[in-house]
C-alpha cells in the first residue's frame, strides 16, 4: 500500500503557478522546490509536483499534453464541507483560473471544478459518507 502520492503536472510558468495556488491557500514544501519544480502540499500525504515543461520532458518520452485542449487527468480533492467547495472555487476564479463545470449536487455529494492556469482540471468535492444511498 502506498504511503504518499505525488501527482506530477507540467506547467508553463513556475512563479505564476506558485502565485495561483498560494492565493487558493495552499503551501509548498521548499525541500522539493527549485527553479523548475515545486511541491504543492494538498494534504498530509498528498502532493502535486508542479514541473516546468522543460524539466518535465526529462521524465517522459511522450509529448506533453496541452491541458487547455485535452484532458490528461481529473484531480479530485475532498474538503470538509460544501461551503469550502464554493470558497475554494471562488478563490481559484479570483486568482485567474476558469470554471470548468457547473456545480453538481447529489445530496450526499457536492462538487464544483476549475481549471488552473495550465488547464489542469481540479474537482473540489464534499462527500457525506453517512448519507450515501444504500
Protein backbone atom coordinates (compact mmCIF):
# COMPACT_ATOMS: atom_id res chain seq x y z
CA UNK A 1 0.00 0.00 0.00
CA UNK A 2 1.30 3.44 -0.89
CA UNK A 3 2.13 5.84 1.93
CA UNK A 4 2.16 9.05 -0.14
CA UNK A 5 1.01 10.22 -3.54
CA UNK A 6 2.85 12.66 -5.80
CA UNK A 7 0.95 13.85 -8.89
CA UNK A 8 3.28 15.37 -11.48
CA UNK A 9 1.85 18.18 -13.62
CA UNK A 10 3.59 20.01 -16.45
CA UNK A 11 3.32 23.79 -16.15
CA UNK A 12 4.48 26.73 -18.23
CA UNK A 13 5.43 29.29 -15.57
CA UNK A 14 6.55 28.20 -12.10
CA UNK A 15 6.19 31.62 -10.46
CA UNK A 16 2.66 32.13 -11.83
CA UNK A 17 1.63 28.65 -10.69
CA UNK A 18 3.03 29.24 -7.20
CA UNK A 19 1.21 32.58 -7.01
CA UNK A 20 -2.04 30.97 -8.21
CA UNK A 21 -2.06 28.14 -5.67
CA UNK A 22 -0.86 30.44 -2.88
CA UNK A 23 -3.96 32.58 -3.49
CA UNK A 24 -6.05 29.42 -3.04
CA UNK A 25 -4.48 28.92 0.40
CA UNK A 26 -2.08 26.08 -0.43
CA UNK A 27 1.55 25.90 0.65
CA UNK A 28 4.69 24.32 -0.76
CA UNK A 29 7.50 22.12 0.50
CA UNK A 30 10.72 24.11 -0.03
CA UNK A 31 12.75 20.88 0.23
CA UNK A 32 11.35 19.85 -3.17
CA UNK A 33 11.38 23.27 -4.80
CA UNK A 34 13.92 24.71 -7.21
CA UNK A 35 13.87 26.92 -10.33
CA UNK A 36 11.93 24.28 -12.33
CA UNK A 37 9.82 22.44 -9.77
CA UNK A 38 7.77 22.93 -6.64
CA UNK A 39 5.94 20.57 -4.35
CA UNK A 40 2.35 21.71 -3.77
CA UNK A 41 1.02 20.32 -0.50
CA UNK A 42 -2.55 19.10 -0.97
CA UNK A 43 -2.87 17.10 2.24
CA UNK A 44 -0.90 15.24 4.87
CA UNK A 45 0.49 12.71 2.36
CA UNK A 46 -0.82 14.12 -0.92
CA UNK A 47 1.30 16.33 -3.15
CA UNK A 48 1.34 17.75 -6.67
CA UNK A 49 4.72 18.31 -8.22
CA UNK A 50 4.41 21.34 -10.48
CA UNK A 51 7.17 20.91 -13.04
CA UNK A 52 8.08 23.30 -15.85
CA UNK A 53 7.55 21.75 -19.27
CA UNK A 54 11.29 21.93 -20.00
CA UNK A 55 12.10 19.84 -16.91
CA UNK A 56 9.03 17.60 -17.29
CA UNK A 57 10.40 16.39 -20.65
CA UNK A 58 13.26 14.73 -18.73
CA UNK A 59 10.75 12.28 -17.22
CA UNK A 60 8.80 11.13 -20.26
CA UNK A 61 9.31 10.05 -23.86
CA UNK A 62 5.78 11.14 -24.79
CA UNK A 63 4.53 14.54 -25.88
CA UNK A 64 3.30 16.74 -23.05
CA UNK A 65 -0.45 17.15 -23.06
CA UNK A 66 -1.89 20.60 -23.70
CA UNK A 67 -4.39 20.54 -20.85
CA UNK A 68 -6.23 23.52 -22.35
CA UNK A 69 -7.21 21.29 -25.29
CA UNK A 70 -7.07 17.72 -23.95
CA UNK A 71 -7.91 16.07 -20.67
CA UNK A 72 -4.93 14.34 -19.16
CA UNK A 73 -6.22 13.80 -15.63
CA UNK A 74 -9.03 14.87 -13.33
CA UNK A 75 -7.73 15.79 -9.90
CA UNK A 76 -10.40 15.46 -7.23
CA UNK A 77 -9.92 16.88 -3.75
CA UNK A 78 -12.31 16.17 -0.88
CA UNK A 79 -12.81 19.09 1.52
CA UNK A 80 -14.56 19.50 4.90
CA UNK A 81 -17.91 20.91 3.78
CA UNK A 82 -19.96 22.39 0.92
CA UNK A 83 -19.04 25.94 1.85
CA UNK A 84 -15.34 25.11 1.48
CA UNK A 85 -16.06 23.79 -2.05
CA UNK A 86 -17.61 27.09 -3.10
CA UNK A 87 -14.96 29.16 -1.30
CA UNK A 88 -12.08 27.33 -2.99
CA UNK A 89 -13.69 27.64 -6.41
CA UNK A 90 -14.18 31.38 -5.90
CA UNK A 91 -10.53 31.76 -4.86
CA UNK A 92 -9.47 29.89 -8.00
CA UNK A 93 -11.57 32.15 -10.21
CA UNK A 94 -10.26 35.27 -8.47
CA UNK A 95 -6.68 34.04 -8.99
CA UNK A 96 -7.14 33.63 -12.76
CA UNK A 97 -8.49 30.08 -13.03
CA UNK A 98 -11.61 29.28 -15.00
CA UNK A 99 -14.79 27.47 -14.03
CA UNK A 100 -14.78 24.10 -15.72
CA UNK A 101 -18.14 22.50 -14.93
CA UNK A 102 -21.30 23.66 -13.24
CA UNK A 103 -21.71 22.57 -9.59
CA UNK A 104 -23.07 19.05 -9.16
CA UNK A 105 -25.32 18.35 -6.16
CA UNK A 106 -26.27 14.75 -5.43
CA UNK A 107 -27.46 15.43 -1.90
CA UNK A 108 -24.79 13.26 -0.29
CA UNK A 109 -22.04 14.66 -2.54
CA UNK A 110 -21.47 18.19 -3.80
CA UNK A 111 -18.76 19.16 -6.27
CA UNK A 112 -17.58 22.00 -8.44
CA UNK A 113 -14.48 22.35 -10.60
CA UNK A 114 -11.96 24.77 -12.03
CA UNK A 115 -9.09 24.72 -14.48
CA UNK A 116 -5.79 26.16 -13.30
CA UNK A 117 -3.56 28.46 -15.36
CA UNK A 118 -2.23 25.50 -17.37
CA UNK A 119 -5.66 23.97 -17.97
CA UNK A 120 -5.43 21.13 -15.43
CA UNK A 121 -8.88 20.20 -14.12
CA UNK A 122 -9.36 20.30 -10.35
CA UNK A 123 -12.60 18.93 -8.91
CA UNK A 124 -13.35 20.13 -5.40
CA UNK A 125 -15.88 17.99 -3.61
CA UNK A 126 -17.57 17.37 -0.29
CA UNK A 127 -18.92 13.91 0.40
CA UNK A 128 -21.10 12.97 3.38
CA UNK A 129 -20.32 9.26 3.60
CA UNK A 130 -23.11 8.74 6.16
CA UNK A 131 -25.66 9.91 3.60
CA UNK A 132 -24.56 7.72 0.66
CA UNK A 133 -27.63 5.91 -0.68
CA UNK A 134 -27.60 2.18 0.04
